[in-house]
């Protein structure tokens, strides 16, 4: 399967989606067909902390999430700036700013299950 290299992390080939809130999504074709995730990880290009956050999310066995690169939107770059990586629960607007570990991620996503 082809890959897309964002930062130092390799991800499955993705499609760019833009919603009405100027939010950018990179989603696999199967994710597009199904309901979008309630979790969003806001990231920057070439961000070593974002790469670490992805490893923490994997360690925490986090459910599927959408990755959004704030550099692709002036609005998001202004909103999140140097706060990234940020994990957001899009249902209620809660956000978990870096630094976080697997324990904090599990507690944050506990309400999703």
N, C-alpha and C. Protein backbone atom coordinates (compact mmCIF):
# COMPACT_ATOMS: atom_id res chain seq x y z
N UNK A 1 0.85 -1.18 0.00
CA UNK A 1 0.00 0.00 0.00
C UNK A 1 0.90 1.24 0.00
N UNK A 2 0.57 2.25 -0.83
CA UNK A 2 1.36 3.48 -0.84
C UNK A 2 1.30 4.17 0.52
N UNK A 3 2.29 4.99 0.78
CA UNK A 3 2.33 5.70 2.06
C UNK A 3 2.51 7.19 1.85
N UNK A 4 2.15 7.95 2.85
CA UNK A 4 2.29 9.39 2.87
C UNK A 4 3.20 9.72 4.03
N UNK A 5 4.25 10.47 3.81
CA UNK A 5 5.18 10.82 4.87
C UNK A 5 4.89 12.23 5.36
N UNK A 6 4.36 12.33 6.56
CA UNK A 6 4.14 13.61 7.23
C UNK A 6 5.00 13.59 8.45
N UNK A 7 5.76 14.61 8.71
CA UNK A 7 6.71 14.62 9.81
C UNK A 7 7.63 13.44 9.59
N UNK A 8 7.97 12.69 10.60
CA UNK A 8 8.80 11.50 10.43
C UNK A 8 7.97 10.24 10.55
N UNK A 9 6.66 10.38 10.47
CA UNK A 9 5.75 9.26 10.67
C UNK A 9 5.15 8.85 9.35
N UNK A 10 5.15 7.56 9.07
CA UNK A 10 4.55 7.05 7.85
C UNK A 10 3.12 6.65 8.15
N UNK A 11 2.21 7.07 7.30
CA UNK A 11 0.80 6.74 7.49
C UNK A 11 0.25 6.18 6.19
N UNK A 12 -0.88 5.50 6.27
CA UNK A 12 -1.51 4.95 5.07
C UNK A 12 -1.92 6.07 4.14
N UNK A 13 -1.99 5.76 2.85
CA UNK A 13 -2.40 6.74 1.85
C UNK A 13 -3.70 7.38 2.31
N UNK A 14 -3.78 8.70 2.21
CA UNK A 14 -4.89 9.41 2.80
C UNK A 14 -5.51 10.36 1.79
N UNK A 15 -6.70 10.80 2.10
CA UNK A 15 -7.43 11.75 1.30
C UNK A 15 -7.69 12.98 2.15
N UNK A 16 -7.53 14.16 1.58
CA UNK A 16 -7.75 15.40 2.29
C UNK A 16 -9.23 15.74 2.27
N UNK A 17 -9.77 16.01 3.45
CA UNK A 17 -11.16 16.44 3.59
C UNK A 17 -11.16 17.76 4.34
N UNK A 18 -12.06 18.64 4.00
CA UNK A 18 -12.18 19.92 4.71
C UNK A 18 -13.62 20.07 5.12
N UNK A 19 -13.85 20.35 6.43
CA UNK A 19 -15.22 20.53 6.88
C UNK A 19 -15.54 22.02 6.97
N UNK A 20 -16.73 22.35 7.40
CA UNK A 20 -17.19 23.73 7.46
C UNK A 20 -16.48 24.59 8.49
N UNK A 21 -15.74 23.98 9.41
CA UNK A 21 -15.02 24.74 10.42
C UNK A 21 -13.57 24.96 10.04
N UNK A 22 -13.24 24.84 8.75
CA UNK A 22 -11.87 25.01 8.27
C UNK A 22 -10.95 23.99 8.90
N UNK A 23 -11.48 22.81 9.18
CA UNK A 23 -10.68 21.75 9.79
C UNK A 23 -10.28 20.78 8.69
N UNK A 24 -9.00 20.45 8.65
CA UNK A 24 -8.47 19.56 7.62
C UNK A 24 -8.32 18.16 8.17
N UNK A 25 -8.71 17.18 7.39
CA UNK A 25 -8.59 15.79 7.79
C UNK A 25 -7.79 15.04 6.74
N UNK A 26 -6.98 14.13 7.19
CA UNK A 26 -6.35 13.15 6.31
C UNK A 26 -6.89 11.81 6.74
N UNK A 27 -7.69 11.22 5.89
CA UNK A 27 -8.39 10.00 6.28
C UNK A 27 -8.23 8.94 5.19
N UNK A 28 -8.18 7.70 5.62
CA UNK A 28 -8.12 6.59 4.67
C UNK A 28 -9.47 6.48 3.99
N UNK A 29 -9.50 5.85 2.82
CA UNK A 29 -10.80 5.67 2.15
C UNK A 29 -11.83 4.96 3.02
N UNK A 30 -11.41 3.97 3.80
CA UNK A 30 -12.38 3.27 4.65
C UNK A 30 -12.90 4.19 5.74
N UNK A 31 -12.06 5.09 6.25
CA UNK A 31 -12.51 6.03 7.27
C UNK A 31 -13.50 7.03 6.68
N UNK A 32 -13.32 7.37 5.42
CA UNK A 32 -14.24 8.29 4.77
C UNK A 32 -15.62 7.65 4.64
N UNK A 33 -15.63 6.36 4.29
CA UNK A 33 -16.91 5.66 4.13
C UNK A 33 -17.63 5.50 5.47
N UNK A 34 -16.86 5.33 6.55
CA UNK A 34 -17.49 5.19 7.86
C UNK A 34 -17.54 6.54 8.56
N UNK A 35 -18.13 6.58 9.73
CA UNK A 35 -18.24 7.79 10.51
C UNK A 35 -16.86 8.27 10.93
N UNK A 36 -16.63 9.57 10.87
CA UNK A 36 -15.36 10.14 11.29
C UNK A 36 -15.21 9.93 12.80
N UNK A 37 -13.98 9.85 13.25
CA UNK A 37 -13.69 9.61 14.65
C UNK A 37 -14.04 10.83 15.50
N UNK A 38 -14.32 10.57 16.76
CA UNK A 38 -14.55 11.67 17.69
C UNK A 38 -13.25 12.22 18.23
N UNK A 39 -12.15 11.51 18.04
CA UNK A 39 -10.84 11.97 18.50
C UNK A 39 -10.05 12.57 17.35
N UNK A 40 -9.39 13.68 17.65
CA UNK A 40 -8.56 14.37 16.66
C UNK A 40 -7.22 14.65 17.32
N UNK A 41 -6.14 14.31 16.63
CA UNK A 41 -4.81 14.68 17.08
C UNK A 41 -4.32 15.81 16.19
N UNK A 42 -4.20 17.00 16.78
CA UNK A 42 -3.66 18.15 16.06
C UNK A 42 -2.14 18.07 16.12
N UNK A 43 -1.50 18.18 14.94
CA UNK A 43 -0.06 18.01 14.81
C UNK A 43 0.53 19.09 13.92
N UNK A 44 1.85 19.14 13.90
CA UNK A 44 2.59 19.99 12.97
C UNK A 44 3.52 19.10 12.15
N UNK A 45 3.91 19.59 10.99
CA UNK A 45 4.91 18.91 10.19
C UNK A 45 6.26 18.94 10.91
N UNK A 46 6.99 17.86 10.78
CA UNK A 46 8.35 17.75 11.32
C UNK A 46 8.40 18.07 12.81
N UNK A 47 7.46 17.54 13.56
CA UNK A 47 7.33 17.79 14.99
C UNK A 47 7.70 16.51 15.74
N UNK A 48 8.85 16.50 16.40
CA UNK A 48 9.27 15.30 17.11
C UNK A 48 8.34 14.99 18.28
N UNK A 49 7.75 16.00 18.88
CA UNK A 49 6.79 15.76 19.96
C UNK A 49 5.53 15.08 19.43
N UNK A 50 5.14 15.44 18.21
CA UNK A 50 3.97 14.81 17.60
C UNK A 50 4.25 13.34 17.32
N UNK A 51 5.47 13.03 16.90
CA UNK A 51 5.85 11.64 16.70
C UNK A 51 5.80 10.88 18.02
N UNK A 52 6.24 11.52 19.10
CA UNK A 52 6.18 10.89 20.42
C UNK A 52 4.73 10.69 20.84
N UNK A 53 3.87 11.65 20.55
CA UNK A 53 2.46 11.54 20.90
C UNK A 53 1.82 10.35 20.18
N UNK A 54 2.17 10.12 18.93
CA UNK A 54 1.64 8.97 18.20
C UNK A 54 2.06 7.67 18.88
N UNK A 55 3.29 7.60 19.36
CA UNK A 55 3.75 6.41 20.07
C UNK A 55 2.99 6.23 21.38
N UNK A 56 2.70 7.33 22.09
CA UNK A 56 1.94 7.26 23.34
C UNK A 56 0.51 6.79 23.06
N UNK A 57 -0.10 7.29 22.00
CA UNK A 57 -1.46 6.86 21.64
C UNK A 57 -1.49 5.37 21.31
N UNK A 58 -0.47 4.89 20.64
CA UNK A 58 -0.39 3.45 20.35
C UNK A 58 -0.22 2.67 21.65
N UNK A 59 0.64 3.14 22.54
CA UNK A 59 0.86 2.47 23.82
C UNK A 59 -0.43 2.41 24.63
N UNK A 60 -1.24 3.48 24.55
CA UNK A 60 -2.49 3.57 25.30
C UNK A 60 -3.62 2.78 24.63
N UNK A 61 -3.34 2.19 23.48
CA UNK A 61 -4.38 1.50 22.70
C UNK A 61 -5.56 2.41 22.42
N UNK A 62 -5.26 3.64 22.03
CA UNK A 62 -6.30 4.62 21.74
C UNK A 62 -7.13 4.15 20.55
N UNK A 63 -8.42 4.46 20.55
CA UNK A 63 -9.25 4.12 19.39
C UNK A 63 -8.82 4.96 18.19
N UNK A 64 -9.40 4.65 17.04
CA UNK A 64 -9.07 5.40 15.83
C UNK A 64 -9.25 6.89 16.07
N UNK A 65 -8.39 7.67 15.47
CA UNK A 65 -8.47 9.13 15.58
C UNK A 65 -8.10 9.73 14.23
N UNK A 66 -8.52 10.96 14.03
CA UNK A 66 -8.17 11.70 12.83
C UNK A 66 -6.93 12.53 13.14
N UNK A 67 -6.01 12.59 12.19
CA UNK A 67 -4.84 13.46 12.31
C UNK A 67 -5.10 14.73 11.52
N UNK A 68 -4.86 15.86 12.15
CA UNK A 68 -5.05 17.15 11.50
C UNK A 68 -3.76 17.93 11.65
N UNK A 69 -3.21 18.39 10.52
CA UNK A 69 -1.98 19.16 10.54
C UNK A 69 -2.31 20.64 10.57
N UNK A 70 -1.94 21.30 11.65
CA UNK A 70 -2.31 22.70 11.83
C UNK A 70 -1.60 23.61 10.84
N UNK A 71 -0.48 23.17 10.29
CA UNK A 71 0.24 23.98 9.31
C UNK A 71 -0.55 24.16 8.02
N UNK A 72 -1.56 23.33 7.79
CA UNK A 72 -2.35 23.40 6.57
C UNK A 72 -3.47 24.44 6.64
N UNK A 73 -3.61 25.11 7.78
CA UNK A 73 -4.69 26.08 7.96
C UNK A 73 -4.21 27.23 8.85
N UNK A 74 -4.34 28.44 8.35
CA UNK A 74 -3.93 29.61 9.15
C UNK A 74 -4.74 29.69 10.43
N UNK A 75 -6.02 29.35 10.36
CA UNK A 75 -6.88 29.39 11.54
C UNK A 75 -6.40 28.41 12.60
N UNK A 76 -6.10 27.18 12.18
CA UNK A 76 -5.64 26.18 13.13
C UNK A 76 -4.24 26.50 13.65
N UNK A 77 -3.39 27.03 12.80
CA UNK A 77 -2.05 27.42 13.24
C UNK A 77 -2.14 28.50 14.31
N UNK A 78 -3.07 29.44 14.14
CA UNK A 78 -3.26 30.48 15.15
C UNK A 78 -3.84 29.90 16.44
N UNK A 79 -4.81 28.99 16.31
CA UNK A 79 -5.48 28.42 17.48
C UNK A 79 -4.55 27.51 18.28
N UNK A 80 -3.77 26.67 17.58
CA UNK A 80 -2.97 25.67 18.28
C UNK A 80 -1.49 26.03 18.37
N UNK A 81 -0.98 26.83 17.45
CA UNK A 81 0.39 27.31 17.52
C UNK A 81 1.39 26.30 18.06
N UNK A 82 2.02 26.65 19.17
CA UNK A 82 3.04 25.79 19.77
C UNK A 82 2.46 24.80 20.76
N UNK A 83 1.13 24.75 20.89
CA UNK A 83 0.50 23.80 21.83
C UNK A 83 0.56 22.36 21.35
N UNK A 84 0.76 22.15 20.07
CA UNK A 84 0.70 20.81 19.52
C UNK A 84 1.82 19.93 20.07
N UNK A 85 1.57 18.66 20.18
CA UNK A 85 0.36 17.95 19.81
C UNK A 85 -0.75 18.13 20.83
N UNK A 86 -1.97 18.15 20.33
CA UNK A 86 -3.16 18.27 21.17
C UNK A 86 -4.15 17.19 20.74
N UNK A 87 -4.64 16.42 21.70
CA UNK A 87 -5.67 15.42 21.45
C UNK A 87 -7.01 16.04 21.85
N UNK A 88 -7.97 16.02 20.93
CA UNK A 88 -9.27 16.66 21.17
C UNK A 88 -10.39 15.64 21.05
N UNK A 89 -11.33 15.72 21.99
CA UNK A 89 -12.57 14.96 21.90
C UNK A 89 -13.57 15.89 21.22
N UNK A 90 -13.89 15.61 19.98
CA UNK A 90 -14.72 16.53 19.19
C UNK A 90 -16.16 16.54 19.63
N UNK A 91 -16.58 15.56 20.43
CA UNK A 91 -17.98 15.53 20.90
C UNK A 91 -18.23 16.62 21.93
N UNK A 92 -17.28 16.81 22.86
CA UNK A 92 -17.51 17.78 23.93
C UNK A 92 -16.48 18.90 23.99
N UNK A 93 -15.50 18.88 23.08
CA UNK A 93 -14.52 19.95 23.00
C UNK A 93 -13.37 19.85 23.99
N UNK A 94 -13.33 18.78 24.79
CA UNK A 94 -12.21 18.63 25.72
C UNK A 94 -10.93 18.45 24.94
N UNK A 95 -9.83 19.00 25.48
CA UNK A 95 -8.53 18.87 24.84
C UNK A 95 -7.48 18.44 25.85
N UNK A 96 -6.58 17.61 25.38
CA UNK A 96 -5.46 17.14 26.19
C UNK A 96 -4.19 17.62 25.52
N UNK A 97 -3.55 18.60 26.16
CA UNK A 97 -2.32 19.17 25.62
C UNK A 97 -1.11 18.31 25.99
N UNK A 98 -0.11 18.35 25.15
CA UNK A 98 1.16 17.70 25.42
C UNK A 98 1.84 18.45 26.55
N UNK A 99 2.52 17.79 27.46
CA UNK A 99 2.89 16.38 27.43
C UNK A 99 1.81 15.52 28.05
N UNK A 100 1.60 14.34 27.47
CA UNK A 100 0.71 13.34 28.06
C UNK A 100 1.36 11.97 27.92
N UNK A 101 0.96 11.08 28.81
CA UNK A 101 1.46 9.71 28.77
C UNK A 101 0.27 8.78 28.56
N UNK A 102 0.55 7.48 28.47
CA UNK A 102 -0.50 6.51 28.18
C UNK A 102 -1.60 6.52 29.25
N UNK A 103 -1.22 6.72 30.51
CA UNK A 103 -2.21 6.75 31.59
C UNK A 103 -3.17 7.93 31.41
N UNK A 104 -2.63 9.09 31.10
CA UNK A 104 -3.48 10.28 30.89
C UNK A 104 -4.37 10.11 29.66
N UNK A 105 -3.83 9.50 28.61
CA UNK A 105 -4.63 9.28 27.40
C UNK A 105 -5.78 8.32 27.71
N UNK A 106 -5.49 7.23 28.42
CA UNK A 106 -6.57 6.28 28.77
C UNK A 106 -7.66 6.96 29.59
N UNK A 107 -7.27 7.81 30.55
CA UNK A 107 -8.26 8.53 31.35
C UNK A 107 -9.06 9.50 30.47
N UNK A 108 -8.40 10.16 29.54
CA UNK A 108 -9.05 11.12 28.65
C UNK A 108 -10.06 10.42 27.75
N UNK A 109 -9.68 9.27 27.20
CA UNK A 109 -10.58 8.58 26.26
C UNK A 109 -11.56 7.66 26.98
N UNK A 110 -11.44 7.50 28.27
CA UNK A 110 -12.34 6.63 29.01
C UNK A 110 -13.80 6.96 28.80
N UNK A 111 -14.11 8.24 28.62
CA UNK A 111 -15.50 8.67 28.41
C UNK A 111 -16.02 8.27 27.03
N UNK A 112 -15.12 7.92 26.11
CA UNK A 112 -15.55 7.55 24.76
C UNK A 112 -16.09 6.13 24.69
N UNK A 113 -15.72 5.31 25.66
CA UNK A 113 -16.10 3.89 25.59
C UNK A 113 -17.38 3.60 26.28
